[in-house]
Amino acid sequence: MSQRYRITRSLKESGNVLDLTIEECKELFAAKLDFEYSPVFTVKGPESTMSIDGDFFMWSLGEVKIPFRLYDGDLYVSGTNEAVIPMMLEIASELEADIVEG
């Protein structure tokens, strides 16, 4: 079973809670060497290919590409690969956001 995480500011109690924006995410990820923005995420299987439109920040981890997806003011990422956890914590900290499972 795959674990999914959400990086969000919706749990903040003080002041106006600001959604994560495409502009601030592009700025943050542009400063990280192993990330690249993509407006489409494509998954290739043995018999089919599926493409999803959206705002994806693709993390290159060796031969593996791990998508961080900006959707509705939050960033989502799968926790299938253990290496995601420290990167996710770093990104959440830089965005002054919280992490929620699910």
PDB file of N, CA and C in Angstrom:
ATOM      1  N   MET A   1       0.846  -1.183   0.000  1.00  0.00           N
ATOM      2  CA  MET A   1       0.000   0.000   0.000  1.00  0.00           C
ATOM      3  C   MET A   1       0.888   1.242   0.000  1.00  0.00           C
ATOM      4  N   SER A   2       0.582   2.164  -0.856  1.00  0.00           N
ATOM      5  CA  SER A   2       1.377   3.377  -1.001  1.00  0.00           C
ATOM      6  C   SER A   2       0.889   4.456  -0.042  1.00  0.00           C
ATOM      7  N   GLN A   3       1.838   5.138   0.568  1.00  0.00           N
ATOM      8  CA  GLN A   3       1.515   6.242   1.467  1.00  0.00           C
ATOM      9  C   GLN A   3       1.635   7.552   0.703  1.00  0.00           C
ATOM     10  N   ARG A   4       0.673   8.440   0.880  1.00  0.00           N
ATOM     11  CA  ARG A   4       0.699   9.740   0.229  1.00  0.00           C
ATOM     12  C   ARG A   4       0.782  10.825   1.289  1.00  0.00           C
ATOM     13  N   TYR A   5       1.551  11.863   0.980  1.00  0.00           N
ATOM     14  CA  TYR A   5       1.714  12.982   1.896  1.00  0.00           C
ATOM     15  C   TYR A   5       1.276  14.277   1.232  1.00  0.00           C
ATOM     16  N   ARG A   6       0.784  15.191   2.076  1.00  0.00           N
ATOM     17  CA  ARG A   6       0.355  16.514   1.600  1.00  0.00           C
ATOM     18  C   ARG A   6       1.125  17.566   2.389  1.00  0.00           C
ATOM     19  N   ILE A   7       1.772  18.478   1.658  1.00  0.00           N
ATOM     20  CA  ILE A   7       2.456  19.614   2.266  1.00  0.00           C
ATOM     21  C   ILE A   7       1.488  20.786   2.151  1.00  0.00           C
ATOM     22  N   THR A   8       1.079  21.333   3.304  1.00  0.00           N
ATOM     23  CA  THR A   8      -0.003  22.305   3.318  1.00  0.00           C
ATOM     24  C   THR A   8       0.208  23.387   4.364  1.00  0.00           C
ATOM     25  N   ARG A   9      -0.409  24.497   4.139  1.00  0.00           N
ATOM     26  CA  ARG A   9      -0.441  25.560   5.153  1.00  0.00           C
ATOM     27  C   ARG A   9      -1.827  25.652   5.795  1.00  0.00           C
ATOM     28  N   SER A  10      -2.726  24.778   5.427  1.00  0.00           N
ATOM     29  CA  SER A  10      -4.113  24.859   5.902  1.00  0.00           C
ATOM     30  C   SER A  10      -4.249  24.631   7.406  1.00  0.00           C
ATOM     31  N   LEU A  11      -3.239  24.109   8.061  1.00  0.00           N
ATOM     32  CA  LEU A  11      -3.305  23.866   9.505  1.00  0.00           C
ATOM     33  C   LEU A  11      -2.876  25.072  10.329  1.00  0.00           C
ATOM     34  N   LYS A  12      -2.377  26.104   9.669  1.00  0.00           N
ATOM     35  CA  LYS A  12      -1.921  27.306  10.378  1.00  0.00           C
ATOM     36  C   LYS A  12      -3.115  27.999  11.020  1.00  0.00           C
ATOM     37  N   GLU A  13      -2.935  28.477  12.246  1.00  0.00           N
ATOM     38  CA  GLU A  13      -4.043  29.083  12.983  1.00  0.00           C
ATOM     39  C   GLU A  13      -4.038  30.605  12.932  1.00  0.00           C
ATOM     40  N   SER A  14      -2.874  31.205  12.744  1.00  0.00           N
ATOM     41  CA  SER A  14      -2.808  32.661  12.852  1.00  0.00           C
ATOM     42  C   SER A  14      -2.881  33.350  11.496  1.00  0.00           C
ATOM     43  N   GLY A  15      -3.574  34.467  11.458  1.00  0.00           N
ATOM     44  CA  GLY A  15      -3.620  35.311  10.263  1.00  0.00           C
ATOM     45  C   GLY A  15      -4.275  34.650   9.069  1.00  0.00           C
ATOM     46  N   ASN A  16      -3.997  35.208   7.911  1.00  0.00           N
ATOM     47  CA  ASN A  16      -4.525  34.656   6.674  1.00  0.00           C
ATOM     48  C   ASN A  16      -3.658  33.475   6.237  1.00  0.00           C
ATOM     49  N   VAL A  17      -4.287  32.338   6.082  1.00  0.00           N
ATOM     50  CA  VAL A  17      -3.568  31.156   5.616  1.00  0.00           C
ATOM     51  C   VAL A  17      -3.441  31.259   4.106  1.00  0.00           C
ATOM     52  N   LEU A  18      -2.210  31.251   3.623  1.00  0.00           N
ATOM     53  CA  LEU A  18      -1.971  31.376   2.189  1.00  0.00           C
ATOM     54  C   LEU A  18      -1.706  30.008   1.576  1.00  0.00           C
ATOM     55  N   ASP A  19      -2.429  29.710   0.496  1.00  0.00           N
ATOM     56  CA  ASP A  19      -2.167  28.490  -0.250  1.00  0.00           C
ATOM     57  C   ASP A  19      -0.775  28.564  -0.851  1.00  0.00           C
ATOM     58  N   LEU A  20      -0.205  27.412  -1.117  1.00  0.00           N
ATOM     59  CA  LEU A  20       1.045  27.374  -1.860  1.00  0.00           C
ATOM     60  C   LEU A  20       0.726  27.790  -3.295  1.00  0.00           C
ATOM     61  N   THR A  21       1.562  28.625  -3.875  1.00  0.00           N
ATOM     62  CA  THR A  21       1.310  29.101  -5.238  1.00  0.00           C
ATOM     63  C   THR A  21       2.311  28.495  -6.208  1.00  0.00           C
ATOM     64  N   ILE A  22       1.935  28.481  -7.469  1.00  0.00           N
ATOM     65  CA  ILE A  22       2.825  27.973  -8.499  1.00  0.00           C
ATOM     66  C   ILE A  22       4.095  28.806  -8.564  1.00  0.00           C
ATOM     67  N   GLU A  23       3.972  30.110  -8.376  1.00  0.00           N
ATOM     68  CA  GLU A  23       5.137  30.987  -8.450  1.00  0.00           C
ATOM     69  C   GLU A  23       6.159  30.671  -7.360  1.00  0.00           C
ATOM     70  N   GLU A  24       5.696  30.530  -6.098  1.00  0.00           N
ATOM     71  CA  GLU A  24       6.646  30.258  -5.027  1.00  0.00           C
ATOM     72  C   GLU A  24       7.223  28.850  -5.142  1.00  0.00           C
ATOM     73  N   CYS A  25       6.433  27.903  -5.626  1.00  0.00           N
ATOM     74  CA  CYS A  25       6.955  26.543  -5.806  1.00  0.00           C
ATOM     75  C   CYS A  25       7.992  26.507  -6.927  1.00  0.00           C
ATOM     76  N   LYS A  26       7.720  27.210  -8.021  1.00  0.00           N
ATOM     77  CA  LYS A  26       8.698  27.251  -9.110  1.00  0.00           C
ATOM     78  C   LYS A  26      10.005  27.875  -8.632  1.00  0.00           C
ATOM     79  N   GLU A  27       9.908  28.920  -7.818  1.00  0.00           N
ATOM     80  CA  GLU A  27      11.109  29.575  -7.294  1.00  0.00           C
ATOM     81  C   GLU A  27      11.885  28.634  -6.370  1.00  0.00           C
ATOM     82  N   LEU A  28      11.175  27.961  -5.474  1.00  0.00           N
ATOM     83  CA  LEU A  28      11.819  27.043  -4.536  1.00  0.00           C
ATOM     84  C   LEU A  28      12.508  25.891  -5.269  1.00  0.00           C
ATOM     85  N   PHE A  29      11.770  25.224  -6.157  1.00  0.00           N
ATOM     86  CA  PHE A  29      12.313  24.049  -6.829  1.00  0.00           C
ATOM     87  C   PHE A  29      13.388  24.402  -7.856  1.00  0.00           C
ATOM     88  N   ALA A  30      13.346  25.603  -8.417  1.00  0.00           N
ATOM     89  CA  ALA A  30      14.381  26.031  -9.363  1.00  0.00           C
ATOM     90  C   ALA A  30      15.740  26.112  -8.676  1.00  0.00           C
ATOM     91  N   ALA A  31      15.734  26.371  -7.374  1.00  0.00           N
ATOM     92  CA  ALA A  31      16.984  26.474  -6.619  1.00  0.00           C
ATOM     93  C   ALA A  31      17.533  25.099  -6.225  1.00  0.00           C
ATOM     94  N   LYS A  32      16.780  24.051  -6.483  1.00  0.00           N
ATOM     95  CA  LYS A  32      17.205  22.688  -6.147  1.00  0.00           C
ATOM     96  C   LYS A  32      17.674  21.988  -7.425  1.00  0.00           C
ATOM     97  N   LEU A  33      18.882  21.484  -7.389  1.00  0.00           N
ATOM     98  CA  LEU A  33      19.509  20.923  -8.588  1.00  0.00           C
ATOM     99  C   LEU A  33      18.790  19.712  -9.179  1.00  0.00           C
ATOM    100  N   ASP A  34      18.180  18.901  -8.359  1.00  0.00           N
ATOM    101  CA  ASP A  34      17.606  17.646  -8.830  1.00  0.00           C
ATOM    102  C   ASP A  34      16.130  17.727  -9.195  1.00  0.00           C
ATOM    103  N   PHE A  35      15.591  18.947  -9.312  1.00  0.00           N
ATOM    104  CA  PHE A  35      14.174  19.111  -9.629  1.00  0.00           C
ATOM    105  C   PHE A  35      13.989  19.788 -10.979  1.00  0.00           C
ATOM    106  N   GLU A  36      12.900  19.409 -11.642  1.00  0.00           N
ATOM    107  CA  GLU A  36      12.553  20.016 -12.923  1.00  0.00           C
ATOM    108  C   GLU A  36      11.027  20.139 -12.988  1.00  0.00           C
ATOM    109  N   TYR A  37      10.549  21.285 -13.442  1.00  0.00           N
ATOM    110  CA  TYR A  37       9.103  21.502 -13.573  1.00  0.00           C
ATOM    111  C   TYR A  37       8.581  20.795 -14.817  1.00  0.00           C
ATOM    112  N   SER A  38       7.382  20.235 -14.726  1.00  0.00           N
ATOM    113  CA  SER A  38       6.730  19.622 -15.879  1.00  0.00           C
ATOM    114  C   SER A  38       5.220  19.862 -15.787  1.00  0.00           C
ATOM    115  N   PRO A  39       4.587  20.278 -16.898  1.00  0.00           N
ATOM    116  CA  PRO A  39       3.133  20.463 -16.899  1.00  0.00           C
ATOM    117  C   PRO A  39       2.363  19.148 -17.125  1.00  0.00           C
ATOM    118  N   VAL A  40       3.102  18.065 -17.320  1.00  0.00           N
ATOM    119  CA  VAL A  40       2.486  16.752 -17.558  1.00  0.00           C
ATOM    120  C   VAL A  40       3.314  15.687 -16.850  1.00  0.00           C
ATOM    121  N   PHE A  41       2.630  14.725 -16.221  1.00  0.00           N
ATOM    122  CA  PHE A  41       3.297  13.569 -15.621  1.00  0.00           C
ATOM    123  C   PHE A  41       2.852  12.351 -16.405  1.00  0.00           C
ATOM    124  N   THR A  42       3.799  11.606 -16.936  1.00  0.00           N
ATOM    125  CA  THR A  42       3.486  10.439 -17.752  1.00  0.00           C
ATOM    126  C   THR A  42       3.988   9.177 -17.070  1.00  0.00           C
ATOM    127  N   VAL A  43       3.094   8.193 -16.965  1.00  0.00           N
ATOM    128  CA  VAL A  43       3.415   6.893 -16.395  1.00  0.00           C
ATOM    129  C   VAL A  43       3.327   5.874 -17.522  1.00  0.00           C
ATOM    130  N   LYS A  44       4.413   5.140 -17.711  1.00  0.00           N
ATOM    131  CA  LYS A  44       4.448   4.129 -18.770  1.00  0.00           C
ATOM    132  C   LYS A  44       4.431   2.754 -18.139  1.00  0.00           C
ATOM    133  N   GLY A  45       3.442   1.967 -18.545  1.00  0.00           N
ATOM    134  CA  GLY A  45       3.353   0.590 -18.089  1.00  0.00           C
ATOM    135  C   GLY A  45       3.683  -0.351 -19.229  1.00  0.00           C
ATOM    136  N   PRO A  46       3.647  -1.655 -18.975  1.00  0.00           N
ATOM    137  CA  PRO A  46       3.996  -2.615 -20.022  1.00  0.00           C
ATOM    138  C   PRO A  46       3.029  -2.598 -21.213  1.00  0.00           C
ATOM    139  N   GLU A  47       1.787  -2.221 -20.963  1.00  0.00           N
ATOM    140  CA  GLU A  47       0.795  -2.264 -22.037  1.00  0.00           C
ATOM    141  C   GLU A  47       0.122  -0.933 -22.329  1.00  0.00           C
ATOM    142  N   SER A  48       0.397   0.074 -21.514  1.00  0.00           N
ATOM    143  CA  SER A  48      -0.265   1.356 -21.744  1.00  0.00           C
ATOM    144  C   SER A  48       0.545   2.512 -21.168  1.00  0.00           C
ATOM    145  N   THR A  49       0.159   3.705 -21.574  1.00  0.00           N
ATOM    146  CA  THR A  49       0.776   4.932 -21.087  1.00  0.00           C
ATOM    147  C   THR A  49      -0.335   5.869 -20.641  1.00  0.00           C
ATOM    148  N   MET A  50      -0.132   6.528 -19.504  1.00  0.00           N
ATOM    149  CA  MET A  50      -1.123   7.466 -18.993  1.00  0.00           C
ATOM    150  C   MET A  50      -0.432   8.795 -18.717  1.00  0.00           C
ATOM    151  N   SER A  51      -1.021   9.889 -19.167  1.00  0.00           N
ATOM    152  CA  SER A  51      -0.494  11.224 -18.921  1.00  0.00           C
ATOM    153  C   SER A  51      -1.505  12.031 -18.117  1.00  0.00           C
ATOM    154  N   ILE A  52      -0.995  12.774 -17.132  1.00  0.00           N
ATOM    155  CA  ILE A  52      -1.834  13.601 -16.262  1.00  0.00           C
ATOM    156  C   ILE A  52      -1.347  15.034 -16.379  1.00  0.00           C
ATOM    157  N   ASP A  53      -2.244  15.950 -16.728  1.00  0.00           N
ATOM    158  CA  ASP A  53      -1.901  17.370 -16.778  1.00  0.00           C
ATOM    159  C   ASP A  53      -1.898  17.940 -15.367  1.00  0.00           C
ATOM    160  N   GLY A  54      -1.008  18.894 -15.120  1.00  0.00           N
ATOM    161  CA  GLY A  54      -0.942  19.527 -13.808  1.00  0.00           C
ATOM    162  C   GLY A  54       0.371  20.263 -13.641  1.00  0.00           C
ATOM    163  N   ASP A  55       0.677  20.604 -12.415  1.00  0.00           N
ATOM    164  CA  ASP A  55       1.937  21.266 -12.081  1.00  0.00           C
ATOM    165  C   ASP A  55       2.769  20.290 -11.265  1.00  0.00           C
ATOM    166  N   PHE A  56       3.770  19.710 -11.925  1.00  0.00           N
ATOM    167  CA  PHE A  56       4.605  18.692 -11.307  1.00  0.00           C
ATOM    168  C   PHE A  56       6.038  19.179 -11.189  1.00  0.00           C
ATOM    169  N   PHE A  57       6.641  18.904 -10.054  1.00  0.00           N
ATOM    170  CA  PHE A  57       8.048  19.186  -9.829  1.00  0.00           C
ATOM    171  C   PHE A  57       8.702  17.824  -9.682  1.00  0.00           C
ATOM    172  N   MET A  58       9.397  17.410 -10.741  1.00  0.00           N
ATOM    173  CA  MET A  58       9.939  16.065 -10.829  1.00  0.00           C
ATOM    174  C   MET A  58      11.318  16.019 -10.181  1.00  0.00           C
ATOM    175  N   TRP A  59      11.436  15.165  -9.172  1.00  0.00           N
ATOM    176  CA  TRP A  59      12.698  14.979  -8.463  1.00  0.00           C
ATOM    177  C   TRP A  59      13.424  13.796  -9.073  1.00  0.00           C
ATOM    178  N   SER A  60      14.622  14.016  -9.584  1.00  0.00           N
ATOM    179  CA  SER A  60      15.444  12.943 -10.141  1.00  0.00           C
ATOM    180  C   SER A  60      16.287  12.345  -9.035  1.00  0.00           C
ATOM    181  N   LEU A  61      16.008  11.104  -8.726  1.00  0.00           N
ATOM    182  CA  LEU A  61      16.724  10.371  -7.696  1.00  0.00           C
ATOM    183  C   LEU A  61      17.362   9.162  -8.378  1.00  0.00           C
ATOM    184  N   GLY A  62      18.554   9.372  -8.930  1.00  0.00           N
ATOM    185  CA  GLY A  62      19.173   8.328  -9.743  1.00  0.00           C
ATOM    186  C   GLY A  62      18.364   8.152 -11.014  1.00  0.00           C
ATOM    187  N   GLU A  63      17.929   6.943 -11.272  1.00  0.00           N
ATOM    188  CA  GLU A  63      17.123   6.641 -12.463  1.00  0.00           C
ATOM    189  C   GLU A  63      15.631   6.881 -12.228  1.00  0.00           C
ATOM    190  N   VAL A  64      15.257   7.121 -10.985  1.00  0.00           N
ATOM    191  CA  VAL A  64      13.841   7.266 -10.614  1.00  0.00           C
ATOM    192  C   VAL A  64      13.442   8.739 -10.636  1.00  0.00           C
ATOM    193  N   LYS A  65      12.230   9.010 -11.143  1.00  0.00           N
ATOM    194  CA  LYS A  65      11.645  10.357 -11.105  1.00  0.00           C
ATOM    195  C   LYS A  65      10.460  10.310 -10.140  1.00  0.00           C
ATOM    196  N   ILE A  66      10.498  11.184  -9.152  1.00  0.00           N
ATOM    197  CA  ILE A  66       9.435  11.232  -8.142  1.00  0.00           C
ATOM    198  C   ILE A  66       8.706  12.562  -8.271  1.00  0.00           C
ATOM    199  N   PRO A  67       7.390  12.524  -8.547  1.00  0.00           N
ATOM    200  CA  PRO A  67       6.650  13.773  -8.727  1.00  0.00           C
ATOM    201  C   PRO A  67       6.154  14.369  -7.410  1.00  0.00           C
ATOM    202  N   PHE A  68       6.376  15.662  -7.273  1.00  0.00           N
ATOM    203  CA  PHE A  68       5.727  16.468  -6.237  1.00  0.00           C
ATOM    204  C   PHE A  68       4.688  17.276  -7.012  1.00  0.00           C
ATOM    205  N   ARG A  69       3.410  17.074  -6.728  1.00  0.00           N
ATOM    206  CA  ARG A  69       2.354  17.731  -7.508  1.00  0.00           C
ATOM    207  C   ARG A  69       1.700  18.859  -6.710  1.00  0.00           C
ATOM    208  N   LEU A  70       1.657  20.034  -7.327  1.00  0.00           N
ATOM    209  CA  LEU A  70       0.927  21.154  -6.743  1.00  0.00           C
ATOM    210  C   LEU A  70      -0.513  21.049  -7.220  1.00  0.00           C
ATOM    211  N   TYR A  71      -1.429  20.942  -6.255  1.00  0.00           N
ATOM    212  CA  TYR A  71      -2.844  20.814  -6.599  1.00  0.00           C
ATOM    213  C   TYR A  71      -3.672  21.523  -5.537  1.00  0.00           C
ATOM    214  N   ASP A  72      -4.468  22.463  -5.972  1.00  0.00           N
ATOM    215  CA  ASP A  72      -5.402  23.158  -5.085  1.00  0.00           C
ATOM    216  C   ASP A  72      -4.707  23.757  -3.854  1.00  0.00           C
ATOM    217  N   GLY A  73      -3.527  24.349  -4.065  1.00  0.00           N
ATOM    218  CA  GLY A  73      -2.829  25.053  -3.000  1.00  0.00           C
ATOM    219  C   GLY A  73      -1.975  24.207  -2.084  1.00  0.00           C
ATOM    220  N   ASP A  74      -1.865  22.905  -2.370  1.00  0.00           N
ATOM    221  CA  ASP A  74      -1.052  21.994  -1.572  1.00  0.00           C
ATOM    222  C   ASP A  74      -0.128  21.199  -2.490  1.00  0.00           C
ATOM    223  N   LEU A  75       0.968  20.691  -1.926  1.00  0.00           N
ATOM    224  CA  LEU A  75       1.877  19.808  -2.661  1.00  0.00           C
ATOM    225  C   LEU A  75       1.624  18.379  -2.201  1.00  0.00           C
ATOM    226  N   TYR A  76       1.565  17.451  -3.148  1.00  0.00           N
ATOM    227  CA  TYR A  76       1.352  16.042  -2.833  1.00  0.00           C
ATOM    228  C   TYR A  76       2.532  15.226  -3.337  1.00  0.00           C
ATOM    229  N   VAL A  77       2.902  14.197  -2.564  1.00  0.00           N
ATOM    230  CA  VAL A  77       3.981  13.311  -2.970  1.00  0.00           C
ATOM    231  C   VAL A  77       3.732  11.922  -2.371  1.00  0.00           C
ATOM    232  N   SER A  78       4.141  10.901  -3.104  1.00  0.00           N
ATOM    233  CA  SER A  78       4.032   9.528  -2.627  1.00  0.00           C
ATOM    234  C   SER A  78       5.208   9.211  -1.719  1.00  0.00           C
ATOM    235  N   GLY A  79       4.961   8.457  -0.675  1.00  0.00           N
ATOM    236  CA  GLY A  79       6.011   8.050   0.244  1.00  0.00           C
ATOM    237  C   GLY A  79       6.516   6.648  -0.023  1.00  0.00           C
ATOM    238  N   THR A  80       6.294   6.138  -1.235  1.00  0.00           N
ATOM    239  CA  THR A  80       6.714   4.783  -1.579  1.00  0.00           C
ATOM    240  C   THR A  80       8.225   4.611  -1.423  1.00  0.00           C
ATOM    241  N   ASN A  81       8.985   5.610  -1.823  1.00  0.00           N
ATOM    242  CA  ASN A  81      10.443   5.575  -1.719  1.00  0.00           C
ATOM    243  C   ASN A  81      10.848   6.274  -0.415  1.00  0.00           C
ATOM    244  N   GLU A  82      11.630   5.597   0.420  1.00  0.00           N
ATOM    245  CA  GLU A  82      12.030   6.154   1.720  1.00  0.00           C
ATOM    246  C   GLU A  82      12.798   7.470   1.604  1.00  0.00           C
ATOM    247  N   ALA A  83      13.481   7.690   0.496  1.00  0.00           N
ATOM    248  CA  ALA A  83      14.270   8.911   0.304  1.00  0.00           C
ATOM    249  C   ALA A  83      13.389  10.151   0.233  1.00  0.00           C
ATOM    250  N   VAL A  84      12.099   9.971  -0.008  1.00  0.00           N
ATOM    251  CA  VAL A  84      11.171  11.096  -0.106  1.00  0.00           C
ATOM    252  C   VAL A  84      11.027  11.813   1.235  1.00  0.00           C
ATOM    253  N   ILE A  85      11.082  11.069   2.324  1.00  0.00           N
ATOM    254  CA  ILE A  85      10.785  11.638   3.641  1.00  0.00           C
ATOM    255  C   ILE A  85      11.699  12.821   3.984  1.00  0.00           C
ATOM    256  N   PRO A  86      13.027  12.677   3.942  1.00  0.00           N
ATOM    257  CA  PRO A  86      13.853  13.839   4.284  1.00  0.00           C
ATOM    258  C   PRO A  86      13.693  15.001   3.309  1.00  0.00           C
ATOM    259  N   MET A  87      13.494  14.711   2.026  1.00  0.00           N
ATOM    260  CA  MET A  87      13.295  15.784   1.046  1.00  0.00           C
ATOM    261  C   MET A  87      11.977  16.497   1.308  1.00  0.00           C
ATOM    262  N   MET A  88      10.943  15.740   1.618  1.00  0.00           N
ATOM    263  CA  MET A  88       9.640  16.308   1.915  1.00  0.00           C
ATOM    264  C   MET A  88       9.714  17.217   3.155  1.00  0.00           C
ATOM    265  N   LEU A  89      10.438  16.772   4.180  1.00  0.00           N
ATOM    266  CA  LEU A  89      10.599  17.578   5.391  1.00  0.00           C
ATOM    267  C   LEU A  89      11.342  18.878   5.082  1.00  0.00           C
ATOM    268  N   GLU A  90      12.361  18.797   4.253  1.00  0.00           N
ATOM    269  CA  GLU A  90      13.119  19.992   3.857  1.00  0.00           C
ATOM    270  C   GLU A  90      12.232  20.987   3.108  1.00  0.00           C
ATOM    271  N   ILE A  91      11.454  20.487   2.167  1.00  0.00           N
ATOM    272  CA  ILE A  91      10.584  21.351   1.362  1.00  0.00           C
ATOM    273  C   ILE A  91       9.507  21.991   2.231  1.00  0.00           C
ATOM    274  N   ALA A  92       8.880  21.200   3.101  1.00  0.00           N
ATOM    275  CA  ALA A  92       7.847  21.740   3.990  1.00  0.00           C
ATOM    276  C   ALA A  92       8.416  22.832   4.879  1.00  0.00           C
ATOM    277  N   SER A  93       9.615  22.623   5.388  1.00  0.00           N
ATOM    278  CA  SER A  93      10.256  23.623   6.231  1.00  0.00           C
ATOM    279  C   SER A  93      10.501  24.919   5.450  1.00  0.00           C
ATOM    280  N   GLU A  94      11.021  24.800   4.242  1.00  0.00           N
ATOM    281  CA  GLU A  94      11.307  25.985   3.429  1.00  0.00           C
ATOM    282  C   GLU A  94      10.035  26.732   3.047  1.00  0.00           C
ATOM    283  N   LEU A  95       8.922  26.021   2.916  1.00  0.00           N
ATOM    284  CA  LEU A  95       7.642  26.647   2.567  1.00  0.00           C
ATOM    285  C   LEU A  95       6.852  27.067   3.806  1.00  0.00           C
ATOM    286  N   GLU A  96       7.411  26.819   4.980  1.00  0.00           N
ATOM    287  CA  GLU A  96       6.714  27.099   6.247  1.00  0.00           C
ATOM    288  C   GLU A  96       5.335  26.457   6.241  1.00  0.00           C
ATOM    289  N   ALA A  97       5.347  25.155   5.941  1.00  0.00           N
ATOM    290  CA  ALA A  97       4.111  24.393   5.813  1.00  0.00           C
ATOM    291  C   ALA A  97       4.179  23.144   6.691  1.00  0.00           C
ATOM    292  N   ASP A  98       3.045  22.497   6.853  1.00  0.00           N
ATOM    293  CA  ASP A  98       2.942  21.259   7.628  1.00  0.00           C
ATOM    294  C   ASP A  98       2.809  20.081   6.681  1.00  0.00           C
ATOM    295  N   ILE A  99       3.013  18.879   7.246  1.00  0.00           N
ATOM    296  CA  ILE A  99       2.857  17.654   6.465  1.00  0.00           C
ATOM    297  C   ILE A  99       1.723  16.838   7.075  1.00  0.00           C
ATOM    298  N   VAL A 100       0.842  16.371   6.187  1.00  0.00           N
ATOM    299  CA  VAL A 100      -0.296  15.553   6.605  1.00  0.00           C
ATOM    300  C   VAL A 100      -0.249  14.257   5.811  1.00  0.00           C
ATOM    301  N   GLU A 101      -0.482  13.135   6.496  1.00  0.00           N
ATOM    302  CA  GLU A 101      -0.550  11.848   5.788  1.00  0.00           C
ATOM    303  C   GLU A 101      -1.935  11.691   5.185  1.00  0.00           C
ATOM    304  N   GLY A 102      -1.945  11.023   4.045  1.00  0.00           N
ATOM    305  CA  GLY A 102      -3.241  10.677   3.437  1.00  0.00           C
ATOM    306  C   GLY A 102      -3.553  11.411   2.185  1.00  0.00           C
TER     307      GLY A 102
END
